[in-house]
Amino acid sequence: MSLHYPHAHPPIAGQQFEVAPGIHWLRMPLPFQLNHINLWLLRDGDGWTIVDTGFANDAVRDIWRPLIAGLDGPVRRLIVTHFHPDHLGLATWLMEETGAQLWMTSGEFLTAHVVWNEVGGHGARFMVEQFRQHGLEAERLAKFEKRGSGYRMAVPALPEHYHRLKAGDTVAVDGKKWRILIGHGHSPEHMALYCAELGVLISGDMLLPKISTNISVFAATPEADSLGWFLESLQELAGEMPEKTLVLPSHGLPFTGIQARVEALRAHHEDRLRALEETCEDAPQSAAGLLETLFQRALDTHQTMFAMGEAIAHLNHLEQAGRLSRSTDTDGVIRYTRRNLRAAH
């Protein structure tokens, strides 16, 4: 079954489009190759709930101001799916503008703070050392060192308090129950929201219609099987969703066909895993040396950060599945080799 897109075109910046009863679609610009994020404005009695914030720059603030002023009631709640800058970046500002309370998971709230403060294995200096261990050359490492904390630049301020949400909780919005579903791999405790009555899933970045969300390994958890966690989360998500569920993603167009999309993502990642295995057949390979295998295009510094995290995630998954072996060479670089299963027997 292929995906179906009930709304062929997104709203222009500053306009709302009702995609389901009481659920309004907003689209905000991003200053990257992925140039937009979808946000959701939910009718909530005589007020409103916002899901995700947009990126913290003046262009997005200028779009938000007239939108907020034009609402027919107060914004009482701001729900944030995860800690990334396009989702959390304007949380402090929106809370100050509207008086809304922040609702999110502990894993995302606390990760935002450790990344912002560059402690606990999170931050530029830890990332640079991780990438050095995985073979990234000195010239590219120097660009990361020079850039410093991209997160702090993209998230100018963080809230100091929040209402905690966790797996299985239900949130009442306009008399309808939204169940909190947690996914792993893209971020530590990513939240999606599902309303069975409306047949709607607000999927955040966990399930996108055209691209696969970035799956990375943090320096703080160097052996994490982030890809395995992501694939397991997708199976759990799809396992209980009717195929007609309307999926509202953070990027791309709303769609139906959740089972087909999950299967396509599983097949995509297995294809990438097989390509990595084959490249590691004849000689040990580092994550940096495998970037061209995973990404057949030139990568700028911003894209290299995601690409390295993605390569490490796939290699960790292969090693823990017994499909690759890992070693650290005399130069201190971690490399991977395809296991000869017949010899092992």
C-alpha atoms as a PDB file:
ATOM      1  CA  MET A   1       0.000   0.000   0.000  1.00  0.00           C
ATOM      2  CA  SER A   2       1.344   3.438  -0.899  1.00  0.00           C
ATOM      3  CA  LEU A   3       0.973   6.536   1.211  1.00  0.00           C
ATOM      4  CA  HIS A   4      -1.962   8.869   0.700  1.00  0.00           C
ATOM      5  CA  TYR A   5      -1.621  12.616   1.182  1.00  0.00           C
ATOM      6  CA  PRO A   6      -5.029  14.163   1.902  1.00  0.00           C
ATOM      7  CA  HIS A   7      -3.642  17.713   1.704  1.00  0.00           C
ATOM      8  CA  ALA A   8      -1.464  18.252  -1.352  1.00  0.00           C
ATOM      9  CA  HIS A   9      -0.050  21.628  -0.325  1.00  0.00           C
ATOM     10  CA  PRO A  10       1.108  23.048   3.008  1.00  0.00           C
ATOM     11  CA  PRO A  11      -0.161  26.340   4.388  1.00  0.00           C
ATOM     12  CA  ILE A  12       2.037  29.340   3.706  1.00  0.00           C
ATOM     13  CA  ALA A  13       3.914  30.782   6.669  1.00  0.00           C
ATOM     14  CA  GLY A  14       1.549  32.683   8.952  1.00  0.00           C
ATOM     15  CA  GLN A  15      -1.621  30.858   7.900  1.00  0.00           C
ATOM     16  CA  GLN A  16      -3.496  28.025   9.607  1.00  0.00           C
ATOM     17  CA  PHE A  17      -5.078  25.051   7.909  1.00  0.00           C
ATOM     18  CA  GLU A  18      -7.498  22.746   9.744  1.00  0.00           C
ATOM     19  CA  VAL A  19      -6.484  19.139   8.990  1.00  0.00           C
ATOM     20  CA  ALA A  20      -8.895  17.495  11.471  1.00  0.00           C
ATOM     21  CA  PRO A  21     -11.552  18.856  13.826  1.00  0.00           C
ATOM     22  CA  GLY A  22      -9.834  21.356  16.119  1.00  0.00           C
ATOM     23  CA  ILE A  23      -6.325  20.614  14.747  1.00  0.00           C
ATOM     24  CA  HIS A  24      -4.676  23.407  12.795  1.00  0.00           C
ATOM     25  CA  TRP A  25      -1.501  23.001  10.725  1.00  0.00           C
ATOM     26  CA  LEU A  26       1.144  25.733  10.835  1.00  0.00           C
ATOM     27  CA  ARG A  27       4.369  25.699   8.830  1.00  0.00           C
ATOM     28  CA  MET A  28       7.451  27.676   9.849  1.00  0.00           C
ATOM     29  CA  PRO A  29      10.731  28.206   7.957  1.00  0.00           C
ATOM     30  CA  LEU A  30      14.054  26.611   8.939  1.00  0.00           C
ATOM     31  CA  PRO A  31      17.468  28.011   7.913  1.00  0.00           C
ATOM     32  CA  PHE A  32      18.743  24.637   6.660  1.00  0.00           C
ATOM     33  CA  GLN A  33      18.504  22.370   3.639  1.00  0.00           C
ATOM     34  CA  LEU A  34      15.438  20.920   5.394  1.00  0.00           C
ATOM     35  CA  ASN A  35      13.712  24.268   5.166  1.00  0.00           C
ATOM     36  CA  HIS A  36      10.512  23.880   7.179  1.00  0.00           C
ATOM     37  CA  ILE A  37       8.876  22.447  10.276  1.00  0.00           C
ATOM     38  CA  ASN A  38       5.204  21.662  10.829  1.00  0.00           C
ATOM     39  CA  LEU A  39       3.644  22.856  14.086  1.00  0.00           C
ATOM     40  CA  TRP A  40       0.180  22.071  15.406  1.00  0.00           C
ATOM     41  CA  LEU A  41      -2.339  24.378  17.055  1.00  0.00           C
ATOM     42  CA  LEU A  42      -5.055  22.501  18.952  1.00  0.00           C
ATOM     43  CA  ARG A  43      -8.381  23.995  19.984  1.00  0.00           C
ATOM     44  CA  ASP A  44      -8.720  23.454  23.739  1.00  0.00           C
ATOM     45  CA  GLY A  45     -12.057  24.668  25.089  1.00  0.00           C
ATOM     46  CA  ASP A  46     -11.970  28.461  25.080  1.00  0.00           C
ATOM     47  CA  GLY A  47      -8.199  28.438  24.544  1.00  0.00           C
ATOM     48  CA  TRP A  48      -5.405  26.738  22.655  1.00  0.00           C
ATOM     49  CA  THR A  49      -2.574  24.213  22.962  1.00  0.00           C
ATOM     50  CA  ILE A  50       0.532  24.518  20.770  1.00  0.00           C
ATOM     51  CA  VAL A  51       2.606  21.465  19.791  1.00  0.00           C
ATOM     52  CA  ASP A  52       6.276  22.403  19.125  1.00  0.00           C
ATOM     53  CA  THR A  53       7.699  25.899  18.732  1.00  0.00           C
ATOM     54  CA  GLY A  54       9.744  26.465  15.594  1.00  0.00           C
ATOM     55  CA  PHE A  55      13.308  27.712  15.301  1.00  0.00           C
ATOM     56  CA  ALA A  56      14.477  30.649  17.410  1.00  0.00           C
ATOM     57  CA  ASN A  57      15.059  33.444  14.935  1.00  0.00           C
ATOM     58  CA  ASP A  58      13.379  36.752  14.157  1.00  0.00           C
ATOM     59  CA  ALA A  59      11.641  35.442  11.046  1.00  0.00           C
ATOM     60  CA  VAL A  60       9.743  32.833  13.067  1.00  0.00           C
ATOM     61  CA  ARG A  61       8.980  35.255  15.915  1.00  0.00           C
ATOM     62  CA  ASP A  62       7.532  37.678  13.352  1.00  0.00           C
ATOM     63  CA  ILE A  63       5.219  34.933  12.079  1.00  0.00           C
ATOM     64  CA  TRP A  64       4.147  33.909  15.579  1.00  0.00           C
ATOM     65  CA  ARG A  65       3.230  37.399  16.847  1.00  0.00           C
ATOM     66  CA  PRO A  66       0.198  38.065  14.605  1.00  0.00           C
ATOM     67  CA  LEU A  67      -0.868  34.415  14.873  1.00  0.00           C
ATOM     68  CA  ILE A  68      -1.002  34.639  18.658  1.00  0.00           C
ATOM     69  CA  ALA A  69      -2.689  38.047  18.562  1.00  0.00           C
ATOM     70  CA  GLY A  70      -5.366  36.697  16.216  1.00  0.00           C
ATOM     71  CA  LEU A  71      -6.385  33.748  18.389  1.00  0.00           C
ATOM     72  CA  ASP A  72      -9.815  33.923  19.995  1.00  0.00           C
ATOM     73  CA  GLY A  73      -8.553  32.665  23.349  1.00  0.00           C
ATOM     74  CA  PRO A  74      -5.398  32.213  25.422  1.00  0.00           C
ATOM     75  CA  VAL A  75      -2.615  29.724  24.757  1.00  0.00           C
ATOM     76  CA  ARG A  76      -2.580  27.707  27.970  1.00  0.00           C
ATOM     77  CA  ARG A  77      -0.210  24.881  27.129  1.00  0.00           C
ATOM     78  CA  LEU A  78       2.881  24.291  25.032  1.00  0.00           C
ATOM     79  CA  ILE A  79       3.655  20.625  24.312  1.00  0.00           C
ATOM     80  CA  VAL A  80       7.161  19.910  22.975  1.00  0.00           C
ATOM     81  CA  THR A  81       7.891  16.541  21.374  1.00  0.00           C
ATOM     82  CA  HIS A  82      11.676  16.628  21.898  1.00  0.00           C
ATOM     83  CA  PHE A  83      14.679  18.815  22.641  1.00  0.00           C
ATOM     84  CA  HIS A  84      15.947  19.672  19.144  1.00  0.00           C
ATOM     85  CA  PRO A  85      16.132  23.402  18.337  1.00  0.00           C
ATOM     86  CA  ASP A  86      13.354  23.481  15.740  1.00  0.00           C
ATOM     87  CA  HIS A  87      10.974  21.946  18.303  1.00  0.00           C
ATOM     88  CA  LEU A  88      12.085  23.600  21.569  1.00  0.00           C
ATOM     89  CA  GLY A  89      13.982  26.680  20.405  1.00  0.00           C
ATOM     90  CA  LEU A  90      11.231  29.238  21.024  1.00  0.00           C
ATOM     91  CA  ALA A  91       9.725  27.615  24.126  1.00  0.00           C
ATOM     92  CA  THR A  92      10.958  30.253  26.589  1.00  0.00           C
ATOM     93  CA  TRP A  93       9.842  33.081  24.306  1.00  0.00           C
ATOM     94  CA  LEU A  94       6.396  31.564  23.660  1.00  0.00           C
ATOM     95  CA  MET A  95       5.891  30.975  27.382  1.00  0.00           C
ATOM     96  CA  GLU A  96       6.713  34.629  28.049  1.00  0.00           C
ATOM     97  CA  GLU A  97       4.478  35.845  25.214  1.00  0.00           C
ATOM     98  CA  THR A  98       1.444  33.715  26.111  1.00  0.00           C
ATOM     99  CA  GLY A  99       1.792  32.578  29.731  1.00  0.00           C
ATOM    100  CA  ALA A 100       1.547  28.963  28.551  1.00  0.00           C
ATOM    101  CA  GLN A 101       2.925  26.090  30.630  1.00  0.00           C
ATOM    102  CA  LEU A 102       5.510  23.765  29.085  1.00  0.00           C
ATOM    103  CA  TRP A 103       4.675  20.038  28.898  1.00  0.00           C
ATOM    104  CA  MET A 104       7.347  17.526  27.833  1.00  0.00           C
ATOM    105  CA  THR A 105       9.164  14.375  28.923  1.00  0.00           C
ATOM    106  CA  SER A 106      11.953  14.391  31.489  1.00  0.00           C
ATOM    107  CA  GLY A 107      14.398  12.793  29.066  1.00  0.00           C
ATOM    108  CA  GLU A 108      13.986  15.647  26.615  1.00  0.00           C
ATOM    109  CA  PHE A 109      13.861  18.484  29.169  1.00  0.00           C
ATOM    110  CA  LEU A 110      16.999  17.307  30.961  1.00  0.00           C
ATOM    111  CA  THR A 111      18.878  16.500  27.748  1.00  0.00           C
ATOM    112  CA  ALA A 112      18.208  20.033  26.523  1.00  0.00           C
ATOM    113  CA  HIS A 113      19.868  21.395  29.644  1.00  0.00           C
ATOM    114  CA  VAL A 114      22.950  19.165  29.520  1.00  0.00           C
ATOM    115  CA  VAL A 115      23.467  19.858  25.798  1.00  0.00           C
ATOM    116  CA  TRP A 116      23.006  23.616  26.327  1.00  0.00           C
ATOM    117  CA  ASN A 117      25.465  23.605  29.238  1.00  0.00           C
ATOM    118  CA  GLU A 118      27.836  21.118  27.533  1.00  0.00           C
ATOM    119  CA  VAL A 119      28.123  18.763  30.492  1.00  0.00           C
ATOM    120  CA  GLY A 120      27.644  15.038  31.052  1.00  0.00           C
ATOM    121  CA  GLY A 121      29.231  13.950  27.789  1.00  0.00           C
ATOM    122  CA  HIS A 122      27.110  16.292  25.670  1.00  0.00           C
ATOM    123  CA  GLY A 123      28.434  19.264  23.727  1.00  0.00           C
ATOM    124  CA  ALA A 124      30.942  20.204  21.072  1.00  0.00           C
ATOM    125  CA  ARG A 125      34.149  19.093  22.798  1.00  0.00           C
ATOM    126  CA  PHE A 126      32.763  15.626  23.529  1.00  0.00           C
ATOM    127  CA  MET A 127      31.449  15.298  19.988  1.00  0.00           C
ATOM    128  CA  VAL A 128      34.804  16.301  18.486  1.00  0.00           C
ATOM    129  CA  GLU A 129      36.597  13.604  20.491  1.00  0.00           C
ATOM    130  CA  GLN A 130      33.970  11.019  19.507  1.00  0.00           C
ATOM    131  CA  PHE A 131      34.378  11.860  15.824  1.00  0.00           C
ATOM    132  CA  ARG A 132      38.177  11.772  16.156  1.00  0.00           C
ATOM    133  CA  GLN A 133      37.942   8.233  17.540  1.00  0.00           C
ATOM    134  CA  HIS A 134      35.797   7.305  14.542  1.00  0.00           C
ATOM    135  CA  GLY A 135      38.303   8.567  12.003  1.00  0.00           C
ATOM    136  CA  LEU A 136      37.145  12.051  10.993  1.00  0.00           C
ATOM    137  CA  GLU A 137      40.061  14.016   9.575  1.00  0.00           C
ATOM    138  CA  ALA A 138      41.657  16.967  11.372  1.00  0.00           C
ATOM    139  CA  GLU A 139      40.403  19.602   8.917  1.00  0.00           C
ATOM    140  CA  ARG A 140      36.766  18.708   9.502  1.00  0.00           C
ATOM    141  CA  LEU A 141      37.278  18.345  13.254  1.00  0.00           C
ATOM    142  CA  ALA A 142      38.740  21.868  13.364  1.00  0.00           C
ATOM    143  CA  LYS A 143      35.527  23.242  11.850  1.00  0.00           C
ATOM    144  CA  PHE A 144      33.494  21.679  14.678  1.00  0.00           C
ATOM    145  CA  GLU A 145      35.913  23.062  17.271  1.00  0.00           C
ATOM    146  CA  LYS A 146      35.668  26.534  15.751  1.00  0.00           C
ATOM    147  CA  ARG A 147      31.877  26.436  15.578  1.00  0.00           C
ATOM    148  CA  GLY A 148      31.463  25.410  19.221  1.00  0.00           C
ATOM    149  CA  SER A 149      27.989  24.815  20.596  1.00  0.00           C
ATOM    150  CA  GLY A 150      25.540  25.061  17.743  1.00  0.00           C
ATOM    151  CA  TYR A 151      22.759  24.161  20.176  1.00  0.00           C
ATOM    152  CA  ARG A 152      23.290  27.169  22.395  1.00  0.00           C
ATOM    153  CA  MET A 153      23.197  29.450  19.365  1.00  0.00           C
ATOM    154  CA  ALA A 154      19.959  27.848  18.150  1.00  0.00           C
ATOM    155  CA  VAL A 155      18.265  27.761  21.570  1.00  0.00           C
ATOM    156  CA  PRO A 156      18.926  31.166  23.169  1.00  0.00           C
ATOM    157  CA  ALA A 157      17.200  30.312  26.459  1.00  0.00           C
ATOM    158  CA  LEU A 158      15.714  27.254  28.134  1.00  0.00           C
ATOM    159  CA  PRO A 159      12.719  27.007  30.473  1.00  0.00           C
ATOM    160  CA  GLU A 160      13.537  26.195  34.088  1.00  0.00           C
ATOM    161  CA  HIS A 161      10.301  24.331  34.874  1.00  0.00           C
ATOM    162  CA  TYR A 162       7.858  22.053  33.092  1.00  0.00           C
ATOM    163  CA  HIS A 163       4.955  19.628  33.505  1.00  0.00           C
ATOM    164  CA  ARG A 164       6.308  16.109  33.063  1.00  0.00           C
ATOM    165  CA  LEU A 165       4.738  13.676  30.605  1.00  0.00           C
ATOM    166  CA  LYS A 166       5.654   9.986  30.382  1.00  0.00           C
ATOM    167  CA  ALA A 167       4.744   6.877  28.408  1.00  0.00           C
ATOM    168  CA  GLY A 168       1.088   5.915  28.705  1.00  0.00           C
ATOM    169  CA  ASP A 169      -0.105   9.250  30.098  1.00  0.00           C
ATOM    170  CA  THR A 170      -3.202  10.789  28.578  1.00  0.00           C
ATOM    171  CA  VAL A 171      -3.632  14.491  27.944  1.00  0.00           C
ATOM    172  CA  ALA A 172      -7.149  15.897  27.638  1.00  0.00           C
ATOM    173  CA  VAL A 173      -7.432  18.496  24.866  1.00  0.00           C
ATOM    174  CA  ASP A 174     -10.871  19.927  24.174  1.00  0.00           C
ATOM    175  CA  GLY A 175     -12.440  16.916  25.872  1.00  0.00           C
ATOM    176  CA  LYS A 176     -10.563  14.382  23.748  1.00  0.00           C
ATOM    177  CA  LYS A 177      -7.886  12.046  25.083  1.00  0.00           C
ATOM    178  CA  TRP A 178      -4.415  12.079  23.572  1.00  0.00           C
ATOM    179  CA  ARG A 179      -2.165   9.201  24.626  1.00  0.00           C
ATOM    180  CA  ILE A 180       1.555   9.771  25.069  1.00  0.00           C
ATOM    181  CA  LEU A 181       3.709   7.357  23.063  1.00  0.00           C
ATOM    182  CA  ILE A 182       7.469   7.337  23.561  1.00  0.00           C
ATOM    183  CA  GLY A 183      10.017   6.589  20.857  1.00  0.00           C
ATOM    184  CA  HIS A 184      13.783   6.184  21.094  1.00  0.00           C
ATOM    185  CA  GLY A 185      16.701   6.533  18.715  1.00  0.00           C
ATOM    186  CA  HIS A 186      16.154  10.021  17.305  1.00  0.00           C
ATOM    187  CA  SER A 187      16.271  11.559  20.771  1.00  0.00           C
ATOM    188  CA  PRO A 188      16.220  10.132  24.311  1.00  0.00           C
ATOM    189  CA  GLU A 189      12.486  10.233  25.140  1.00  0.00           C
ATOM    190  CA  HIS A 190      10.710  11.546  22.067  1.00  0.00           C
ATOM    191  CA  MET A 191       6.980  12.061  22.519  1.00  0.00           C
ATOM    192  CA  ALA A 192       4.261  11.367  19.977  1.00  0.00           C
ATOM    193  CA  LEU A 193       0.559  11.994  20.691  1.00  0.00           C
ATOM    194  CA  TYR A 194      -2.265   9.713  19.536  1.00  0.00           C
ATOM    195  CA  CYS A 195      -5.988  10.455  19.646  1.00  0.00           C
ATOM    196  CA  ALA A 196      -7.995   7.314  18.834  1.00  0.00           C
ATOM    197  CA  GLU A 197     -11.261   9.272  18.725  1.00  0.00           C
ATOM    198  CA  LEU A 198      -9.963  11.541  15.964  1.00  0.00           C
ATOM    199  CA  GLY A 199      -7.767   8.885  14.349  1.00  0.00           C
ATOM    200  CA  VAL A 200      -4.777  11.245  14.461  1.00  0.00           C
ATOM    201  CA  LEU A 201      -1.123  10.706  15.381  1.00  0.00           C
ATOM    202  CA  ILE A 202       1.125  13.727  15.920  1.00  0.00           C
ATOM    203  CA  SER A 203       4.364  11.895  15.193  1.00  0.00           C
ATOM    204  CA  GLY A 204       7.017  14.576  15.644  1.00  0.00           C
ATOM    205  CA  ASP A 205      10.241  13.401  14.004  1.00  0.00           C
ATOM    206  CA  MET A 206       9.708   9.708  14.750  1.00  0.00           C
ATOM    207  CA  LEU A 207       7.743   9.059  11.557  1.00  0.00           C
ATOM    208  CA  LEU A 208       8.221  11.202   8.450  1.00  0.00           C
ATOM    209  CA  PRO A 209       6.690  10.511   5.020  1.00  0.00           C
ATOM    210  CA  LYS A 210       9.627  11.088   2.659  1.00  0.00           C
ATOM    211  CA  ILE A 211      12.882  11.039   4.619  1.00  0.00           C
ATOM    212  CA  SER A 212      14.230   8.933   7.436  1.00  0.00           C
ATOM    213  CA  THR A 213      14.783  10.921  10.596  1.00  0.00           C
ATOM    214  CA  ASN A 214      18.359  11.207  11.794  1.00  0.00           C
ATOM    215  CA  ILE A 215      19.438   8.388  14.096  1.00  0.00           C
ATOM    216  CA  SER A 216      22.650   9.266  15.940  1.00  0.00           C
ATOM    217  CA  VAL A 217      24.834   8.077  18.802  1.00  0.00           C
ATOM    218  CA  PHE A 218      25.786  10.626  21.463  1.00  0.00           C
ATOM    219  CA  ALA A 219      29.325  10.752  22.847  1.00  0.00           C
ATOM    220  CA  ALA A 220      27.817  10.190  26.311  1.00  0.00           C
ATOM    221  CA  THR A 221      26.485   6.760  25.232  1.00  0.00           C
ATOM    222  CA  PRO A 222      29.102   5.578  22.722  1.00  0.00           C
ATOM    223  CA  GLU A 223      27.847   1.979  22.452  1.00  0.00           C
ATOM    224  CA  ALA A 224      24.146   2.810  22.145  1.00  0.00           C
ATOM    225  CA  ASP A 225      22.127   0.831  19.610  1.00  0.00           C
ATOM    226  CA  SER A 226      20.144   3.899  18.589  1.00  0.00           C
ATOM    227  CA  LEU A 227      19.063   2.357  15.296  1.00  0.00           C
ATOM    228  CA  GLY A 228      17.761  -0.772  17.013  1.00  0.00           C
ATOM    229  CA  TRP A 229      15.820   1.358  19.471  1.00  0.00           C
ATOM    230  CA  PHE A 230      14.358   3.406  16.621  1.00  0.00           C
ATOM    231  CA  LEU A 231      13.226   0.373  14.627  1.00  0.00           C
ATOM    232  CA  GLU A 232      11.685  -1.221  17.730  1.00  0.00           C
ATOM    233  CA  SER A 233       9.870   2.038  18.508  1.00  0.00           C
ATOM    234  CA  LEU A 234       8.453   2.177  14.989  1.00  0.00           C
ATOM    235  CA  GLN A 235       7.161  -1.388  15.230  1.00  0.00           C
ATOM    236  CA  GLU A 236       5.482  -0.630  18.550  1.00  0.00           C
ATOM    237  CA  LEU A 237       3.998   2.552  17.114  1.00  0.00           C
ATOM    238  CA  ALA A 238       2.646   0.915  13.978  1.00  0.00           C
ATOM    239  CA  GLY A 239       1.493  -2.202  15.773  1.00  0.00           C
ATOM    240  CA  GLU A 240      -1.451  -0.452  17.381  1.00  0.00           C
ATOM    241  CA  MET A 241      -2.358   2.100  14.723  1.00  0.00           C
ATOM    242  CA  PRO A 242      -5.152   1.583  12.179  1.00  0.00           C
ATOM    243  CA  GLU A 243      -3.860   2.006   8.624  1.00  0.00           C
ATOM    244  CA  LYS A 244      -6.280   4.920   8.113  1.00  0.00           C
ATOM    245  CA  THR A 245      -4.641   6.907  10.948  1.00  0.00           C
ATOM    246  CA  LEU A 246      -3.830  10.447   9.841  1.00  0.00           C
ATOM    247  CA  VAL A 247      -0.140  10.993  10.652  1.00  0.00           C
ATOM    248  CA  LEU A 248       0.882  14.600  11.304  1.00  0.00           C
ATOM    249  CA  PRO A 249       4.687  14.697  10.912  1.00  0.00           C
ATOM    250  CA  SER A 250       7.093  17.493  11.778  1.00  0.00           C
ATOM    251  CA  HIS A 251       8.430  17.572   8.202  1.00  0.00           C
ATOM    252  CA  GLY A 252       6.663  16.799   4.944  1.00  0.00           C
ATOM    253  CA  LEU A 253       2.922  16.432   4.351  1.00  0.00           C
ATOM    254  CA  PRO A 254       0.301  14.739   6.560  1.00  0.00           C
ATOM    255  CA  PHE A 255      -0.318  11.205   5.334  1.00  0.00           C
ATOM    256  CA  THR A 256      -2.117   7.911   5.850  1.00  0.00           C
ATOM    257  CA  GLY A 257      -0.533   4.501   5.370  1.00  0.00           C
ATOM    258  CA  ILE A 258       1.422   4.111   8.589  1.00  0.00           C
ATOM    259  CA  GLN A 259       2.150   0.389   8.196  1.00  0.00           C
ATOM    260  CA  ALA A 260       3.517   0.875   4.696  1.00  0.00           C
ATOM    261  CA  ARG A 261       5.738   3.736   5.813  1.00  0.00           C
ATOM    262  CA  VAL A 262       7.182   1.776   8.726  1.00  0.00           C
ATOM    263  CA  GLU A 263       7.939  -1.167   6.448  1.00  0.00           C
ATOM    264  CA  ALA A 264       9.616   1.150   3.933  1.00  0.00           C
ATOM    265  CA  LEU A 265      11.807   2.627   6.658  1.00  0.00           C
ATOM    266  CA  ARG A 266      12.769  -0.822   7.915  1.00  0.00           C
ATOM    267  CA  ALA A 267      13.733  -1.861   4.378  1.00  0.00           C
ATOM    268  CA  HIS A 268      15.679   1.380   3.834  1.00  0.00           C
ATOM    269  CA  HIS A 269      17.804   0.879   6.929  1.00  0.00           C
ATOM    270  CA  GLU A 270      18.414  -2.791   6.135  1.00  0.00           C
ATOM    271  CA  ASP A 271      19.617  -1.770   2.687  1.00  0.00           C
ATOM    272  CA  ARG A 272      22.067   0.696   4.265  1.00  0.00           C
ATOM    273  CA  LEU A 273      23.222  -1.934   6.762  1.00  0.00           C
ATOM    274  CA  ARG A 274      23.960  -4.418   3.971  1.00  0.00           C
ATOM    275  CA  ALA A 275      25.918  -1.776   2.045  1.00  0.00           C
ATOM    276  CA  LEU A 276      28.067  -1.081   5.111  1.00  0.00           C
ATOM    277  CA  GLU A 277      28.672  -4.805   5.648  1.00  0.00           C
ATOM    278  CA  GLU A 278      29.840  -5.233   2.075  1.00  0.00           C
ATOM    279  CA  THR A 279      32.186  -2.253   2.277  1.00  0.00           C
ATOM    280  CA  CYS A 280      33.750  -3.729   5.423  1.00  0.00           C
ATOM    281  CA  GLU A 281      34.313  -7.085   3.694  1.00  0.00           C
ATOM    282  CA  ASP A 282      37.886  -6.654   2.513  1.00  0.00           C
ATOM    283  CA  ALA A 283      39.456  -4.173   4.948  1.00  0.00           C
ATOM    284  CA  PRO A 284      38.606  -2.533   8.285  1.00  0.00           C
ATOM    285  CA  GLN A 285      36.666   0.710   7.886  1.00  0.00           C
ATOM    286  CA  SER A 286      36.034   3.694  10.182  1.00  0.00           C
ATOM    287  CA  ALA A 287      32.726   5.532  10.440  1.00  0.00           C
ATOM    288  CA  ALA A 288      34.294   8.543   8.704  1.00  0.00           C
ATOM    289  CA  GLY A 289      35.575   6.315   5.926  1.00  0.00           C
ATOM    290  CA  LEU A 290      32.070   4.977   5.381  1.00  0.00           C
ATOM    291  CA  LEU A 291      30.303   8.332   4.951  1.00  0.00           C
ATOM    292  CA  GLU A 292      30.400   8.015   1.167  1.00  0.00           C
ATOM    293  CA  THR A 293      28.794   4.585   1.434  1.00  0.00           C
ATOM    294  CA  LEU A 294      25.848   5.988   3.377  1.00  0.00           C
ATOM    295  CA  PHE A 295      25.568   9.422   1.744  1.00  0.00           C
ATOM    296  CA  GLN A 296      26.213   9.801  -1.966  1.00  0.00           C
ATOM    297  CA  ARG A 297      26.520  13.584  -1.846  1.00  0.00           C
ATOM    298  CA  ALA A 298      28.821  16.320  -0.577  1.00  0.00           C
ATOM    299  CA  LEU A 299      28.298  17.134   3.110  1.00  0.00           C
ATOM    300  CA  ASP A 300      28.786  20.523   4.751  1.00  0.00           C
ATOM    301  CA  THR A 301      29.818  20.837   8.408  1.00  0.00           C
ATOM    302  CA  HIS A 302      26.229  20.804   9.696  1.00  0.00           C
ATOM    303  CA  GLN A 303      25.357  17.741   7.605  1.00  0.00           C
ATOM    304  CA  THR A 304      28.605  15.973   8.559  1.00  0.00           C
ATOM    305  CA  MET A 305      27.596  16.140  12.223  1.00  0.00           C
ATOM    306  CA  PHE A 306      24.375  14.236  11.508  1.00  0.00           C
ATOM    307  CA  ALA A 307      26.076  11.912   9.034  1.00  0.00           C
ATOM    308  CA  MET A 308      28.757  10.853  11.510  1.00  0.00           C
ATOM    309  CA  GLY A 309      26.158  10.163  14.189  1.00  0.00           C
ATOM    310  CA  GLU A 310      24.127   8.147  11.692  1.00  0.00           C
ATOM    311  CA  ALA A 311      27.147   6.125  10.537  1.00  0.00           C
ATOM    312  CA  ILE A 312      28.105   5.266  14.126  1.00  0.00           C
ATOM    313  CA  ALA A 313      24.510   4.240  14.877  1.00  0.00           C
ATOM    314  CA  HIS A 314      24.434   1.820  11.937  1.00  0.00           C
ATOM    315  CA  LEU A 315      27.845   0.391  12.814  1.00  0.00           C
ATOM    316  CA  ASN A 316      26.899  -0.103  16.465  1.00  0.00           C
ATOM    317  CA  HIS A 317      23.774  -1.941  15.327  1.00  0.00           C
ATOM    318  CA  LEU A 318      25.759  -4.218  13.024  1.00  0.00           C
ATOM    319  CA  GLU A 319      28.349  -4.980  15.691  1.00  0.00           C
ATOM    320  CA  GLN A 320      25.748  -5.790  18.339  1.00  0.00           C
ATOM    321  CA  ALA A 321      23.921  -8.012  15.853  1.00  0.00           C
ATOM    322  CA  GLY A 322      27.159  -9.941  15.282  1.00  0.00           C
ATOM    323  CA  ARG A 323      27.430  -8.811  11.664  1.00  0.00           C
ATOM    324  CA  LEU A 324      30.605  -6.719  12.123  1.00  0.00           C
ATOM    325  CA  SER A 325      33.527  -6.894  14.522  1.00  0.00           C
ATOM    326  CA  ARG A 326      35.070  -3.793  16.034  1.00  0.00           C
ATOM    327  CA  SER A 327      38.707  -3.015  16.828  1.00  0.00           C
ATOM    328  CA  THR A 328      40.802   0.009  17.783  1.00  0.00           C
ATOM    329  CA  ASP A 329      43.950   0.395  15.683  1.00  0.00           C
ATOM    330  CA  THR A 330      47.335   1.729  16.797  1.00  0.00           C
ATOM    331  CA  ASP A 331      46.313   5.192  15.561  1.00  0.00           C
ATOM    332  CA  GLY A 332      43.459   5.188  18.087  1.00  0.00           C
ATOM    333  CA  VAL A 333      40.750   4.979  15.411  1.00  0.00           C
ATOM    334  CA  ILE A 334      37.850   2.545  15.777  1.00  0.00           C
ATOM    335  CA  ARG A 335      37.350   0.365  12.706  1.00  0.00           C
ATOM    336  CA  TYR A 336      34.899  -2.340  11.722  1.00  0.00           C
ATOM    337  CA  THR A 337      35.314  -5.569   9.744  1.00  0.00           C
ATOM    338  CA  ARG A 338      32.712  -7.951   8.412  1.00  0.00           C
ATOM    339  CA  ARG A 339      32.638 -11.147  10.440  1.00  0.00           C
ATOM    340  CA  ASN A 340      33.370 -14.389   8.647  1.00  0.00           C
ATOM    341  CA  LEU A 341      30.528 -16.432  10.091  1.00  0.00           C
ATOM    342  CA  ARG A 342      31.633 -19.662   8.425  1.00  0.00           C
ATOM    343  CA  ALA A 343      35.097 -19.342   9.944  1.00  0.00           C
ATOM    344  CA  ALA A 344      33.534 -18.652  13.322  1.00  0.00           C
ATOM    345  CA  HIS A 345      31.918 -22.083  13.181  1.00  0.00           C
END
